[in-house]
C-alpha atoms as a PDB file:
ATOM      1  CA  MET A   1     -19.339  16.976 -28.501  1.00  0.00           C
ATOM      2  CA  ASN A   2     -16.406  17.978 -30.864  1.00  0.00           C
ATOM      3  CA  ARG A   3     -16.658  15.201 -32.603  1.00  0.00           C
ATOM      4  CA  ARG A   4     -20.528  15.399 -33.122  1.00  0.00           C
ATOM      5  CA  LEU A   5     -20.082  19.668 -34.468  1.00  0.00           C
ATOM      6  CA  LEU A   6     -17.284  18.011 -36.613  1.00  0.00           C
ATOM      7  CA  ARG A   7     -19.444  15.289 -38.584  1.00  0.00           C
ATOM      8  CA  ALA A   8     -22.232  18.077 -38.671  1.00  0.00           C
ATOM      9  CA  ARG A   9     -19.840  20.462 -40.093  1.00  0.00           C
ATOM     10  CA  ASP A  10     -18.517  17.462 -42.868  1.00  0.00           C
ATOM     11  CA  ALA A  11     -22.429  17.232 -43.733  1.00  0.00           C
ATOM     12  CA  MET A  12     -22.885  21.319 -44.293  1.00  0.00           C
ATOM     13  CA  ASP A  13     -19.261  20.767 -46.467  1.00  0.00           C
ATOM     14  CA  ARG A  14     -20.915  18.192 -48.586  1.00  0.00           C
ATOM     15  CA  ALA A  15     -23.955  19.288 -49.234  1.00  0.00           C
ATOM     16  CA  TYR A  16     -23.511  23.134 -49.169  1.00  0.00           C
ATOM     17  CA  ALA A  17     -25.767  23.494 -52.221  1.00  0.00           C
ATOM     18  CA  GLU A  18     -28.476  22.312 -51.113  1.00  0.00           C
ATOM     19  CA  PRO A  19     -30.833  23.955 -48.965  1.00  0.00           C
ATOM     20  CA  LEU A  20     -29.856  23.484 -45.486  1.00  0.00           C
ATOM     21  CA  ASP A  21     -31.578  24.441 -42.352  1.00  0.00           C
ATOM     22  CA  VAL A  22     -30.315  24.024 -38.254  1.00  0.00           C
ATOM     23  CA  ARG A  23     -32.845  21.152 -37.534  1.00  0.00           C
ATOM     24  CA  ALA A  24     -31.539  19.292 -39.712  1.00  0.00           C
ATOM     25  CA  VAL A  25     -27.684  19.589 -39.594  1.00  0.00           C
ATOM     26  CA  ALA A  26     -28.081  19.695 -35.701  1.00  0.00           C
ATOM     27  CA  ALA A  27     -29.527  16.471 -36.054  1.00  0.00           C
ATOM     28  CA  VAL A  28     -26.416  14.969 -38.064  1.00  0.00           C
ATOM     29  CA  ALA A  29     -25.003  16.067 -34.048  1.00  0.00           C
ATOM     30  CA  HIS A  30     -27.566  14.495 -32.441  1.00  0.00           C
ATOM     31  CA  ILE A  31     -28.367  17.843 -29.960  1.00  0.00           C
ATOM     32  CA  SER A  32     -31.128  20.416 -29.877  1.00  0.00           C
ATOM     33  CA  GLU A  33     -31.306  23.036 -32.170  1.00  0.00           C
ATOM     34  CA  ALA A  34     -30.366  25.866 -30.218  1.00  0.00           C
ATOM     35  CA  HIS A  35     -27.638  23.869 -28.055  1.00  0.00           C
ATOM     36  CA  PHE A  36     -26.474  23.521 -31.788  1.00  0.00           C
ATOM     37  CA  SER A  37     -26.275  26.715 -32.940  1.00  0.00           C
ATOM     38  CA  ARG A  38     -24.644  27.976 -29.421  1.00  0.00           C
ATOM     39  CA  THR A  39     -22.045  25.600 -29.383  1.00  0.00           C
ATOM     40  CA  PHE A  40     -20.838  25.866 -33.056  1.00  0.00           C
ATOM     41  CA  ARG A  41     -20.392  29.522 -32.529  1.00  0.00           C
ATOM     42  CA  VAL A  42     -18.251  28.612 -29.312  1.00  0.00           C
ATOM     43  CA  VAL A  43     -15.910  26.080 -31.307  1.00  0.00           C
ATOM     44  CA  PHE A  44     -15.616  27.666 -35.082  1.00  0.00           C
ATOM     45  CA  GLY A  45     -15.584  31.065 -34.154  1.00  0.00           C
ATOM     46  CA  GLU A  46     -19.184  31.882 -36.279  1.00  0.00           C
ATOM     47  CA  THR A  47     -22.587  31.213 -36.526  1.00  0.00           C
ATOM     48  CA  PRO A  48     -23.891  27.669 -38.931  1.00  0.00           C
ATOM     49  CA  HIS A  49     -25.439  29.988 -41.196  1.00  0.00           C
ATOM     50  CA  ARG A  50     -22.229  32.236 -41.694  1.00  0.00           C
ATOM     51  CA  TYR A  51     -19.726  29.509 -42.264  1.00  0.00           C
ATOM     52  CA  LEU A  52     -22.822  27.564 -44.796  1.00  0.00           C
ATOM     53  CA  GLN A  53     -22.512  31.365 -46.371  1.00  0.00           C
ATOM     54  CA  ARG A  54     -18.294  31.601 -46.567  1.00  0.00           C
ATOM     55  CA  ARG A  55     -18.317  28.063 -48.036  1.00  0.00           C
ATOM     56  CA  ARG A  56     -20.455  28.753 -50.543  1.00  0.00           C
ATOM     57  CA  VAL A  57     -18.381  31.684 -51.295  1.00  0.00           C
ATOM     58  CA  GLU A  58     -15.509  30.060 -51.237  1.00  0.00           C
ATOM     59  CA  ARG A  59     -16.645  27.350 -54.006  1.00  0.00           C
ATOM     60  CA  SER A  60     -18.205  30.403 -55.649  1.00  0.00           C
ATOM     61  CA  MET A  61     -14.829  32.053 -55.822  1.00  0.00           C
ATOM     62  CA  PHE A  62     -13.377  28.928 -57.330  1.00  0.00           C
ATOM     63  CA  LEU A  63     -15.954  28.805 -60.043  1.00  0.00           C
ATOM     64  CA  LEU A  64     -15.686  32.806 -60.694  1.00  0.00           C
ATOM     65  CA  ARG A  65     -11.853  32.175 -61.379  1.00  0.00           C
ATOM     66  CA  GLU A  66     -11.892  28.816 -63.500  1.00  0.00           C
ATOM     67  CA  THR A  67     -14.827  29.166 -65.550  1.00  0.00           C
ATOM     68  CA  ASP A  68     -16.684  31.272 -67.845  1.00  0.00           C
ATOM     69  CA  ARG A  69     -20.426  30.419 -66.073  1.00  0.00           C
ATOM     70  CA  SER A  70     -22.251  33.741 -65.911  1.00  0.00           C
ATOM     71  CA  VAL A  71     -22.863  34.833 -62.168  1.00  0.00           C
ATOM     72  CA  THR A  72     -26.449  34.100 -61.764  1.00  0.00           C
ATOM     73  CA  ASP A  73     -25.396  30.612 -62.653  1.00  0.00           C
ATOM     74  CA  ILE A  74     -22.616  30.236 -60.368  1.00  0.00           C
ATOM     75  CA  CYS A  75     -24.961  31.945 -57.597  1.00  0.00           C
ATOM     76  CA  LEU A  76     -27.762  29.030 -58.500  1.00  0.00           C
ATOM     77  CA  ASP A  77     -24.808  26.538 -58.385  1.00  0.00           C
ATOM     78  CA  VAL A  78     -23.485  27.048 -54.869  1.00  0.00           C
ATOM     79  CA  GLY A  79     -27.092  27.447 -53.055  1.00  0.00           C
ATOM     80  CA  PHE A  80     -28.124  31.190 -52.731  1.00  0.00           C
ATOM     81  CA  THR A  81     -31.588  32.098 -53.969  1.00  0.00           C
ATOM     82  CA  SER A  82     -31.104  35.073 -54.714  1.00  0.00           C
ATOM     83  CA  LEU A  83     -28.548  36.899 -56.841  1.00  0.00           C
ATOM     84  CA  GLY A  84     -29.073  40.110 -54.567  1.00  0.00           C
ATOM     85  CA  THR A  85     -28.548  38.302 -51.553  1.00  0.00           C
ATOM     86  CA  PHE A  86     -25.154  36.424 -53.117  1.00  0.00           C
ATOM     87  CA  SER A  87     -23.950  39.792 -54.445  1.00  0.00           C
ATOM     88  CA  ARG A  88     -24.333  40.997 -50.888  1.00  0.00           C
ATOM     89  CA  THR A  89     -23.381  38.297 -49.447  1.00  0.00           C
ATOM     90  CA  PHE A  90     -19.736  37.746 -51.806  1.00  0.00           C
ATOM     91  CA  ARG A  91     -18.827  41.661 -50.416  1.00  0.00           C
ATOM     92  CA  GLU A  92     -19.117  41.531 -47.357  1.00  0.00           C
ATOM     93  CA  ILE A  93     -16.825  38.098 -46.943  1.00  0.00           C
ATOM     94  CA  VAL A  94     -14.235  38.924 -49.602  1.00  0.00           C
ATOM     95  CA  GLY A  95     -15.101  42.611 -50.209  1.00  0.00           C
ATOM     96  CA  GLU A  96     -15.548  43.432 -53.568  1.00  0.00           C
ATOM     97  CA  SER A  97     -18.394  42.534 -56.057  1.00  0.00           C
ATOM     98  CA  PRO A  98     -18.781  38.691 -57.478  1.00  0.00           C
ATOM     99  CA  SER A  99     -18.338  40.537 -60.996  1.00  0.00           C
ATOM    100  CA  ASP A 100     -14.929  42.825 -60.370  1.00  0.00           C
ATOM    101  CA  TYR A 101     -13.430  39.745 -58.348  1.00  0.00           C
ATOM    102  CA  ARG A 102     -14.104  38.059 -61.578  1.00  0.00           C
ATOM    103  CA  ALA A 103     -12.040  40.317 -63.246  1.00  0.00           C
ATOM    104  CA  ALA A 104      -9.140  40.792 -61.244  1.00  0.00           C
ATOM    105  CA  HIS A 105      -8.737  37.120 -60.427  1.00  0.00           C
ATOM    106  CA  GLY A 106      -7.880  35.005 -63.743  1.00  0.00           C
ATOM    107  CA  PRO A 107      -7.317  31.164 -63.974  1.00  0.00           C
ATOM    108  CA  MET A 108      -4.515  29.839 -60.906  1.00  0.00           C
ATOM    109  CA  GLU A 109      -1.582  28.259 -62.872  1.00  0.00           C
ATOM    110  CA  ALA A 110      -0.332  26.730 -59.352  1.00  0.00           C
ATOM    111  CA  PRO A 111      -0.473  23.657 -57.027  1.00  0.00           C
ATOM    112  CA  ASN A 112      -3.203  23.425 -55.808  1.00  0.00           C
ATOM    113  CA  CYS A 113      -2.541  23.825 -51.812  1.00  0.00           C
ATOM    114  CA  PHE A 114      -1.850  27.384 -53.285  1.00  0.00           C
ATOM    115  CA  GLN A 115      -4.713  27.556 -54.943  1.00  0.00           C
ATOM    116  CA  MET A 116      -6.583  26.423 -51.354  1.00  0.00           C
ATOM    117  CA  MET A 117      -4.731  29.328 -49.749  1.00  0.00           C
ATOM    118  CA  ALA A 118      -5.810  31.664 -52.261  1.00  0.00           C
ATOM    119  CA  MET A 119      -9.077  30.872 -52.570  1.00  0.00           C
ATOM    120  CA  ARG A 120     -10.248  31.401 -48.664  1.00  0.00           C
ATOM    121  CA  PRO A 121     -11.631  34.553 -48.432  1.00  0.00           C
ATOM    122  CA  MET A 122      -9.747  37.200 -46.635  1.00  0.00           C
ATOM    123  CA  VAL A 123     -11.450  39.788 -43.911  1.00  0.00           C
ATOM    124  CA  ALA A 124     -13.062  42.510 -45.773  1.00  0.00           C
ATOM    125  CA  ALA A 125     -13.527  45.594 -43.861  1.00  0.00           C
ATOM    126  CA  GLY A 126     -13.900  45.367 -40.135  1.00  0.00           C
ATOM    127  CA  ALA A 127     -12.042  44.454 -36.923  1.00  0.00           C
ATOM    128  CA  ALA A 128      -8.155  44.554 -36.760  1.00  0.00           C
ATOM    129  CA  THR A 129      -8.177  41.053 -35.841  1.00  0.00           C
ATOM    130  CA  GLU A 130     -10.255  38.279 -36.394  1.00  0.00           C
ATOM    131  CA  SER A 131     -10.745  34.458 -36.118  1.00  0.00           C
ATOM    132  CA  SER A 132     -11.549  31.947 -39.054  1.00  0.00           C
ATOM    133  CA  SER A 133     -13.633  28.861 -38.465  1.00  0.00           C
ATOM    134  CA  PHE A 134     -10.028  26.723 -38.407  1.00  0.00           C
ATOM    135  CA  GLY A 135      -8.661  29.130 -35.491  1.00  0.00           C
ATOM    136  CA  GLU A 136      -5.614  30.691 -37.039  1.00  0.00           C
ATOM    137  CA  ALA A 137      -6.086  35.013 -36.617  1.00  0.00           C
ATOM    138  CA  THR A 138      -6.143  37.050 -39.724  1.00  0.00           C
ATOM    139  CA  LEU A 139      -5.252  40.690 -39.586  1.00  0.00           C
ATOM    140  CA  ALA A 140      -7.012  43.248 -42.140  1.00  0.00           C
ATOM    141  CA  ALA A 141      -4.908  44.808 -43.967  1.00  0.00           C
ATOM    142  CA  THR A 142      -3.833  48.264 -42.495  1.00  0.00           C
ATOM    143  CA  PRO A 143      -3.992  51.531 -45.426  1.00  0.00           C
END
C-alpha cells in the first residue's frame, strides 16, 4: 500500500502546477478516493490537498527568491488560480506574505542541499510540535 501511495505522491510532485483532483491521484494508486484520502493522511500526516498546496508553496518560495517575476505570475505558474488563495495559503504555511518573504530572502549562494533545506516551509504559528510529511518532528520557535 505504501508503494502505491508513494507513486501517487510522486505523480502529485511531477504535476503540482496542473489542476489535480483526488479521483485522478487515487487512480494512480489504484484505490478508491475515500480510502486514498484516509490512507494518505495516516501515512504522510496531511491530506492530499494540503500536501499539494505545500508543494506549490515550496516551489513558489524558490521562484520568489531566485526570479524577478511578479507574485501574480508565480501564483499562476505554481498552480493556484487565485492570488488571494495563494497569498492566504502562503501566509498559513510560511508565516509571512509572498511579498514580505521576497523582501526578506534574496537569492541563495549555497550548495543545492542547503538551498533545498532552506526552501522547506517551517511550521508557522500553531502547535508546539508537528510532524512533516517526511516523518520528522519540527518544533515551532518559542519566543
